[in-house]
PDB file of N, CA and C in Angstrom:
ATOM      1  N   UNK A   1       0.850  -1.338  -0.106  1.00  0.00           N
ATOM      2  CA  UNK A   1       0.084  -0.048   0.065  1.00  0.00           C
ATOM      3  C   UNK A   1       0.914   1.251   0.014  1.00  0.00           C
ATOM      4  N   UNK A   2       0.588   2.087  -0.897  1.00  0.00           N
ATOM      5  CA  UNK A   2       1.470   3.339  -0.920  1.00  0.00           C
ATOM      6  C   UNK A   2       0.597   4.475  -0.382  1.00  0.00           C
ATOM      7  N   UNK A   3       1.232   5.271   0.409  1.00  0.00           N
ATOM      8  CA  UNK A   3       0.738   6.410   1.119  1.00  0.00           C
ATOM      9  C   UNK A   3       1.115   7.534   0.357  1.00  0.00           C
ATOM     10  N   UNK A   4       0.459   8.603   0.375  1.00  0.00           N
ATOM     11  CA  UNK A   4       0.990   9.834  -0.340  1.00  0.00           C
ATOM     12  C   UNK A   4       1.211  10.901   0.982  1.00  0.00           C
ATOM     13  N   UNK A   5       2.369  11.367   1.387  1.00  0.00           N
ATOM     14  CA  UNK A   5       2.618  12.182   2.520  1.00  0.00           C
ATOM     15  C   UNK A   5       2.485  13.534   2.156  1.00  0.00           C
ATOM     16  N   UNK A   6       2.275  14.267   3.126  1.00  0.00           N
ATOM     17  CA  UNK A   6       1.947  15.709   2.878  1.00  0.00           C
ATOM     18  C   UNK A   6       3.281  16.359   2.882  1.00  0.00           C
ATOM     19  N   UNK A   7       3.801  17.205   1.823  1.00  0.00           N
ATOM     20  CA  UNK A   7       5.022  18.001   2.010  1.00  0.00           C
ATOM     21  C   UNK A   7       4.889  18.889   2.917  1.00  0.00           C
ATOM     22  N   UNK A   8       5.984  19.000   3.672  1.00  0.00           N
ATOM     23  CA  UNK A   8       6.148  20.054   4.933  1.00  0.00           C
ATOM     24  C   UNK A   8       7.136  20.695   4.644  1.00  0.00           C
ATOM     25  N   UNK A   9       6.983  22.188   4.978  1.00  0.00           N
ATOM     26  CA  UNK A   9       8.327  23.053   4.959  1.00  0.00           C
ATOM     27  C   UNK A   9       9.458  22.567   5.855  1.00  0.00           C
ATOM     28  N   UNK A  10      10.496  22.755   5.208  1.00  0.00           N
ATOM     29  CA  UNK A  10      11.856  22.233   5.856  1.00  0.00           C
ATOM     30  C   UNK A  10      12.118  23.411   6.915  1.00  0.00           C
ATOM     31  N   UNK A  11      11.834  24.609   6.536  1.00  0.00           N
ATOM     32  CA  UNK A  11      12.175  25.466   7.514  1.00  0.00           C
ATOM     33  C   UNK A  11      10.993  26.029   8.158  1.00  0.00           C
ATOM     34  N   UNK A  12      10.988  26.022   9.562  1.00  0.00           N
ATOM     35  CA  UNK A  12       9.947  26.583  10.460  1.00  0.00           C
ATOM     36  C   UNK A  12       9.857  28.001  10.480  1.00  0.00           C
ATOM     37  N   UNK A  13      10.012  28.690   9.521  1.00  0.00           N
ATOM     38  CA  UNK A  13       9.997  30.242   9.405  1.00  0.00           C
ATOM     39  C   UNK A  13       8.620  30.799   9.003  1.00  0.00           C
ATOM     40  N   UNK A  14       7.937  31.556   9.507  1.00  0.00           N
ATOM     41  CA  UNK A  14       6.584  31.826   9.199  1.00  0.00           C
ATOM     42  C   UNK A  14       6.557  32.532   7.624  1.00  0.00           C
ATOM     43  N   UNK A  15       7.627  33.041   7.172  1.00  0.00           N
ATOM     44  CA  UNK A  15       7.854  33.613   6.033  1.00  0.00           C
ATOM     45  C   UNK A  15       8.593  32.696   5.055  1.00  0.00           C
ATOM     46  N   UNK A  16       9.067  31.483   5.342  1.00  0.00           N
ATOM     47  CA  UNK A  16       9.622  30.634   4.402  1.00  0.00           C
ATOM     48  C   UNK A  16       8.829  30.252   3.154  1.00  0.00           C
ATOM     49  N   UNK A  17       7.666  29.868   3.198  1.00  0.00           N
ATOM     50  CA  UNK A  17       6.675  29.503   2.122  1.00  0.00           C
ATOM     51  C   UNK A  17       6.472  30.802   1.275  1.00  0.00           C
ATOM     52  N   UNK A  18       6.438  31.895   1.778  1.00  0.00           N
ATOM     53  CA  UNK A  18       6.072  33.148   0.977  1.00  0.00           C
ATOM     54  C   UNK A  18       7.381  33.564   0.120  1.00  0.00           C
ATOM     55  N   UNK A  19       8.597  33.390   0.955  1.00  0.00           N
ATOM     56  CA  UNK A  19       9.758  33.722   0.212  1.00  0.00           C
ATOM     57  C   UNK A  19       9.889  32.607  -0.900  1.00  0.00           C
ATOM     58  N   UNK A  20       9.823  31.384  -0.566  1.00  0.00           N
ATOM     59  CA  UNK A  20      10.013  30.435  -1.575  1.00  0.00           C
ATOM     60  C   UNK A  20       9.158  30.655  -2.776  1.00  0.00           C
ATOM     61  N   UNK A  21       7.898  30.775  -2.431  1.00  0.00           N
ATOM     62  CA  UNK A  21       7.095  30.980  -3.777  1.00  0.00           C
ATOM     63  C   UNK A  21       7.342  32.195  -4.507  1.00  0.00           C
ATOM     64  N   UNK A  22       8.019  33.299  -3.893  1.00  0.00           N
ATOM     65  CA  UNK A  22       8.420  34.465  -4.779  1.00  0.00           C
ATOM     66  C   UNK A  22       9.511  33.999  -5.575  1.00  0.00           C
ATOM     67  N   UNK A  23      10.514  33.286  -4.972  1.00  0.00           N
ATOM     68  CA  UNK A  23      11.565  32.652  -5.618  1.00  0.00           C
ATOM     69  C   UNK A  23      11.088  31.843  -6.994  1.00  0.00           C
ATOM     70  N   UNK A  24      10.329  31.003  -6.686  1.00  0.00           N
ATOM     71  CA  UNK A  24       9.899  30.088  -7.914  1.00  0.00           C
ATOM     72  C   UNK A  24       8.880  30.875  -8.992  1.00  0.00           C
ATOM     73  N   UNK A  25       8.361  31.900  -8.564  1.00  0.00           N
ATOM     74  CA  UNK A  25       7.605  32.737  -9.472  1.00  0.00           C
ATOM     75  C   UNK A  25       8.851  33.357 -10.489  1.00  0.00           C
ATOM     76  N   UNK A  26       9.759  34.077  -9.748  1.00  0.00           N
ATOM     77  CA  UNK A  26      10.842  34.801 -10.483  1.00  0.00           C
ATOM     78  C   UNK A  26      11.517  33.577 -11.314  1.00  0.00           C
ATOM     79  N   UNK A  27      11.874  32.488 -10.850  1.00  0.00           N
ATOM     80  CA  UNK A  27      12.549  31.531 -11.568  1.00  0.00           C
ATOM     81  C   UNK A  27      11.556  31.180 -12.809  1.00  0.00           C
ATOM     82  N   UNK A  28      10.363  31.055 -12.750  1.00  0.00           N
ATOM     83  CA  UNK A  28       9.678  30.791 -13.880  1.00  0.00           C
ATOM     84  C   UNK A  28       9.489  32.049 -14.917  1.00  0.00           C
ATOM     85  N   UNK A  29       9.503  33.152 -14.363  1.00  0.00           N
ATOM     86  CA  UNK A  29       9.739  34.481 -15.260  1.00  0.00           C
ATOM     87  C   UNK A  29      11.068  34.278 -16.020  1.00  0.00           C
ATOM     88  N   UNK A  30      12.022  34.132 -15.522  1.00  0.00           N
ATOM     89  CA  UNK A  30      13.433  33.867 -16.191  1.00  0.00           C
ATOM     90  C   UNK A  30      13.464  32.746 -17.024  1.00  0.00           C
ATOM     91  N   UNK A  31      12.768  31.613 -16.975  1.00  0.00           N
ATOM     92  CA  UNK A  31      12.784  30.350 -17.687  1.00  0.00           C
ATOM     93  C   UNK A  31      11.555  30.577 -18.845  1.00  0.00           C
ATOM     94  N   UNK A  32      10.628  31.344 -18.768  1.00  0.00           N
ATOM     95  CA  UNK A  32       9.955  31.697 -19.872  1.00  0.00           C
ATOM     96  C   UNK A  32      10.576  32.277 -21.017  1.00  0.00           C
ATOM     97  N   UNK A  33      11.687  33.050 -20.783  1.00  0.00           N
ATOM     98  CA  UNK A  33      12.473  33.666 -21.687  1.00  0.00           C
ATOM     99  C   UNK A  33      13.019  32.702 -22.711  1.00  0.00           C
ATOM    100  N   UNK A  34      13.551  31.559 -22.121  1.00  0.00           N
ATOM    101  CA  UNK A  34      14.026  30.387 -23.013  1.00  0.00           C
ATOM    102  C   UNK A  34      12.842  29.839 -23.963  1.00  0.00           C
ATOM    103  N   UNK A  35      11.627  29.591 -23.046  1.00  0.00           N
ATOM    104  CA  UNK A  35      10.694  29.148 -23.754  1.00  0.00           C
ATOM    105  C   UNK A  35      10.097  29.749 -24.974  1.00  0.00           C
ATOM    106  N   UNK A  36      10.031  31.237 -24.875  1.00  0.00           N
ATOM    107  CA  UNK A  36       9.442  32.037 -25.829  1.00  0.00           C
ATOM    108  C   UNK A  36      10.363  32.094 -26.886  1.00  0.00           C
ATOM    109  N   UNK A  37      11.855  32.098 -26.721  1.00  0.00           N
ATOM    110  CA  UNK A  37      12.772  32.119 -27.840  1.00  0.00           C
ATOM    111  C   UNK A  37      12.503  30.901 -28.550  1.00  0.00           C
ATOM    112  N   UNK A  38      12.648  29.625 -27.811  1.00  0.00           N
ATOM    113  CA  UNK A  38      12.195  28.341 -28.455  1.00  0.00           C
ATOM    114  C   UNK A  38      11.126  28.619 -29.471  1.00  0.00           C
ATOM    115  N   UNK A  39      10.130  28.894 -28.919  1.00  0.00           N
ATOM    116  CA  UNK A  39       8.666  28.807 -29.895  1.00  0.00           C
ATOM    117  C   UNK A  39       8.790  29.752 -30.998  1.00  0.00           C
ATOM    118  N   UNK A  40       9.576  31.014 -30.703  1.00  0.00           N
ATOM    119  CA  UNK A  40       9.860  32.060 -31.824  1.00  0.00           C
ATOM    120  C   UNK A  40      10.695  31.468 -32.911  1.00  0.00           C
ATOM    121  N   UNK A  41      11.705  30.711 -32.416  1.00  0.00           N
ATOM    122  CA  UNK A  41      12.712  30.088 -33.347  1.00  0.00           C
ATOM    123  C   UNK A  41      11.858  29.194 -34.203  1.00  0.00           C
ATOM    124  N   UNK A  42      10.912  28.305 -33.775  1.00  0.00           N
ATOM    125  CA  UNK A  42       9.931  27.513 -34.585  1.00  0.00           C
ATOM    126  C   UNK A  42       8.829  28.121 -35.181  1.00  0.00           C
ATOM    127  N   UNK A  43       8.732  29.373 -35.151  1.00  0.00           N
ATOM    128  CA  UNK A  43       7.801  30.169 -35.736  1.00  0.00           C
ATOM    129  C   UNK A  43       6.311  29.990 -35.123  1.00  0.00           C
ATOM    130  N   UNK A  44       6.353  29.414 -33.999  1.00  0.00           N
ATOM    131  CA  UNK A  44       5.204  29.179 -33.172  1.00  0.00           C
ATOM    132  C   UNK A  44       4.742  30.295 -32.396  1.00  0.00           C
ATOM    133  N   UNK A  45       4.089  31.342 -32.988  1.00  0.00           N
ATOM    134  CA  UNK A  45       3.735  32.507 -32.229  1.00  0.00           C
ATOM    135  C   UNK A  45       2.621  32.358 -31.278  1.00  0.00           C
ATOM    136  N   UNK A  46       1.878  31.291 -31.668  1.00  0.00           N
ATOM    137  CA  UNK A  46       0.696  31.085 -30.593  1.00  0.00           C
ATOM    138  C   UNK A  46       1.372  30.758 -29.308  1.00  0.00           C
ATOM    139  N   UNK A  47       2.256  29.875 -29.350  1.00  0.00           N
ATOM    140  CA  UNK A  47       2.723  29.282 -28.124  1.00  0.00           C
ATOM    141  C   UNK A  47       3.509  30.330 -27.526  1.00  0.00           C
ATOM    142  N   UNK A  48       4.490  31.048 -28.209  1.00  0.00           N
ATOM    143  CA  UNK A  48       5.128  32.296 -27.641  1.00  0.00           C
ATOM    144  C   UNK A  48       4.187  33.334 -26.819  1.00  0.00           C
ATOM    145  N   UNK A  49       3.102  33.390 -27.468  1.00  0.00           N
ATOM    146  CA  UNK A  49       2.174  34.379 -26.938  1.00  0.00           C
ATOM    147  C   UNK A  49       1.923  33.924 -25.442  1.00  0.00           C
ATOM    148  N   UNK A  50       1.567  32.666 -25.279  1.00  0.00           N
ATOM    149  CA  UNK A  50       1.108  32.089 -24.345  1.00  0.00           C
ATOM    150  C   UNK A  50       2.162  31.789 -23.168  1.00  0.00           C
ATOM    151  N   UNK A  51       3.330  31.687 -23.640  1.00  0.00           N
ATOM    152  CA  UNK A  51       4.446  31.765 -22.713  1.00  0.00           C
ATOM    153  C   UNK A  51       4.593  33.018 -22.152  1.00  0.00           C
ATOM    154  N   UNK A  52       4.271  34.095 -22.940  1.00  0.00           N
ATOM    155  CA  UNK A  52       4.641  35.574 -22.362  1.00  0.00           C
ATOM    156  C   UNK A  52       3.260  35.699 -21.330  1.00  0.00           C
ATOM    157  N   UNK A  53       2.288  35.359 -21.828  1.00  0.00           N
ATOM    158  CA  UNK A  53       1.108  35.525 -20.565  1.00  0.00           C
ATOM    159  C   UNK A  53       1.510  34.718 -19.440  1.00  0.00           C
ATOM    160  N   UNK A  54       1.852  33.681 -19.542  1.00  0.00           N
ATOM    161  CA  UNK A  54       2.379  32.963 -18.125  1.00  0.00           C
ATOM    162  C   UNK A  54       3.543  33.578 -17.464  1.00  0.00           C
ATOM    163  N   UNK A  55       4.519  34.155 -18.219  1.00  0.00           N
ATOM    164  CA  UNK A  55       5.541  34.983 -17.607  1.00  0.00           C
ATOM    165  C   UNK A  55       4.997  36.131 -16.993  1.00  0.00           C
ATOM    166  N   UNK A  56       4.035  36.929 -17.563  1.00  0.00           N
ATOM    167  CA  UNK A  56       3.304  37.939 -16.933  1.00  0.00           C
ATOM    168  C   UNK A  56       2.608  37.513 -15.734  1.00  0.00           C
ATOM    169  N   UNK A  57       2.025  36.544 -15.732  1.00  0.00           N
ATOM    170  CA  UNK A  57       1.251  35.980 -14.632  1.00  0.00           C
ATOM    171  C   UNK A  57       2.207  35.882 -13.271  1.00  0.00           C
ATOM    172  N   UNK A  58       3.231  35.122 -13.719  1.00  0.00           N
ATOM    173  CA  UNK A  58       4.385  34.877 -12.788  1.00  0.00           C
ATOM    174  C   UNK A  58       4.883  36.086 -12.232  1.00  0.00           C
ATOM    175  N   UNK A  59       5.295  37.127 -13.192  1.00  0.00           N
ATOM    176  CA  UNK A  59       5.785  38.341 -12.715  1.00  0.00           C
ATOM    177  C   UNK A  59       4.852  39.134 -11.643  1.00  0.00           C
ATOM    178  N   UNK A  60       3.471  39.225 -12.047  1.00  0.00           N
ATOM    179  CA  UNK A  60       2.553  39.887 -11.007  1.00  0.00           C
ATOM    180  C   UNK A  60       2.512  39.019  -9.868  1.00  0.00           C
ATOM    181  N   UNK A  61       2.413  37.992  -9.845  1.00  0.00           N
ATOM    182  CA  UNK A  61       2.466  36.961  -8.582  1.00  0.00           C
ATOM    183  C   UNK A  61       3.783  37.362  -7.714  1.00  0.00           C
ATOM    184  N   UNK A  62       4.970  37.333  -8.225  1.00  0.00           N
ATOM    185  CA  UNK A  62       6.083  37.690  -7.622  1.00  0.00           C
ATOM    186  C   UNK A  62       6.195  38.958  -6.832  1.00  0.00           C
ATOM    187  N   UNK A  63       5.576  40.038  -7.832  1.00  0.00           N
ATOM    188  CA  UNK A  63       5.227  41.503  -7.182  1.00  0.00           C
ATOM    189  C   UNK A  63       4.454  41.477  -5.967  1.00  0.00           C
ATOM    190  N   UNK A  64       3.409  40.832  -6.199  1.00  0.00           N
ATOM    191  CA  UNK A  64       2.220  40.661  -4.918  1.00  0.00           C
ATOM    192  C   UNK A  64       2.910  40.153  -3.824  1.00  0.00           C
ATOM    193  N   UNK A  65       3.656  38.968  -3.967  1.00  0.00           N
ATOM    194  CA  UNK A  65       4.485  38.286  -2.757  1.00  0.00           C
ATOM    195  C   UNK A  65       5.479  39.074  -2.221  1.00  0.00           C
ATOM    196  N   UNK A  66       6.285  40.046  -2.974  1.00  0.00           N
ATOM    197  CA  UNK A  66       7.240  40.733  -2.326  1.00  0.00           C
ATOM    198  C   UNK A  66       6.500  41.917  -1.675  1.00  0.00           C
ATOM    199  N   UNK A  67       5.375  42.573  -2.211  1.00  0.00           N
ATOM    200  CA  UNK A  67       4.731  43.647  -1.513  1.00  0.00           C
ATOM    201  C   UNK A  67       4.293  42.810  -0.064  1.00  0.00           C
ATOM    202  N   UNK A  68       3.572  41.587  -0.154  1.00  0.00           N
ATOM    203  CA  UNK A  68       3.178  41.086   1.162  1.00  0.00           C
ATOM    204  C   UNK A  68       4.375  40.898   2.069  1.00  0.00           C
ATOM    205  N   UNK A  69       5.443  40.219   1.446  1.00  0.00           N
ATOM    206  CA  UNK A  69       6.503  40.195   2.381  1.00  0.00           C
ATOM    207  C   UNK A  69       7.082  41.441   3.049  1.00  0.00           C
ATOM    208  N   UNK A  70       7.274  42.527   2.386  1.00  0.00           N
ATOM    209  CA  UNK A  70       7.640  43.851   2.772  1.00  0.00           C
ATOM    210  C   UNK A  70       6.664  44.247   3.893  1.00  0.00           C
ATOM    211  N   UNK A  71       5.439  44.257   3.700  1.00  0.00           N
ATOM    212  CA  UNK A  71       4.321  44.635   4.669  1.00  0.00           C
ATOM    213  C   UNK A  71       4.425  43.815   5.895  1.00  0.00           C
ATOM    214  N   UNK A  72       4.649  42.371   5.692  1.00  0.00           N
ATOM    215  CA  UNK A  72       4.660  41.785   7.010  1.00  0.00           C
ATOM    216  C   UNK A  72       6.071  41.978   8.000  1.00  0.00           C
ATOM    217  N   UNK A  73       7.245  42.266   7.132  1.00  0.00           N
ATOM    218  CA  UNK A  73       8.363  42.389   7.665  1.00  0.00           C
ATOM    219  C   UNK A  73       8.493  43.863   8.397  1.00  0.00           C
ATOM    220  N   UNK A  74       7.612  44.888   7.817  1.00  0.00           N
ATOM    221  CA  UNK A  74       7.482  46.120   8.361  1.00  0.00           C
ATOM    222  C   UNK A  74       6.763  46.072   9.445  1.00  0.00           C
ATOM    223  N   UNK A  75       5.702  45.479   9.607  1.00  0.00           N
ATOM    224  CA  UNK A  75       4.941  45.035  10.935  1.00  0.00           C
ATOM    225  C   UNK A  75       5.682  44.447  12.046  1.00  0.00           C
ATOM    226  N   UNK A  76       6.607  43.589  11.848  1.00  0.00           N
ATOM    227  CA  UNK A  76       7.445  42.823  12.557  1.00  0.00           C
ATOM    228  C   UNK A  76       8.493  43.569  13.293  1.00  0.00           C
ATOM    229  N   UNK A  77       8.832  44.841  12.463  1.00  0.00           N
ATOM    230  CA  UNK A  77      10.014  45.490  12.884  1.00  0.00           C
ATOM    231  C   UNK A  77       9.597  46.754  13.423  1.00  0.00           C
ATOM    232  N   UNK A  78       8.215  46.970  13.430  1.00  0.00           N
ATOM    233  CA  UNK A  78       7.761  48.181  13.976  1.00  0.00           C
ATOM    234  C   UNK A  78       7.325  49.316  13.255  1.00  0.00           C
TER     235      UNK A  78
END
């Protein structure tokens, strides 16, 4: 019998998950540049456009996360 275990944060810092998610979003923004270039080289403008939308969504998510983190840290530091 196989059980699926829940993934738990390695670090027990209350902001760890937020910081990690910001990092992943920014990594996806960077990675999409490669995918956009690959699609354009193949002449697949539909796919390149979709990757750009994904890139923008990740950029927005990272910006929202950075704002949230900044607000939380300002509250903590008075």
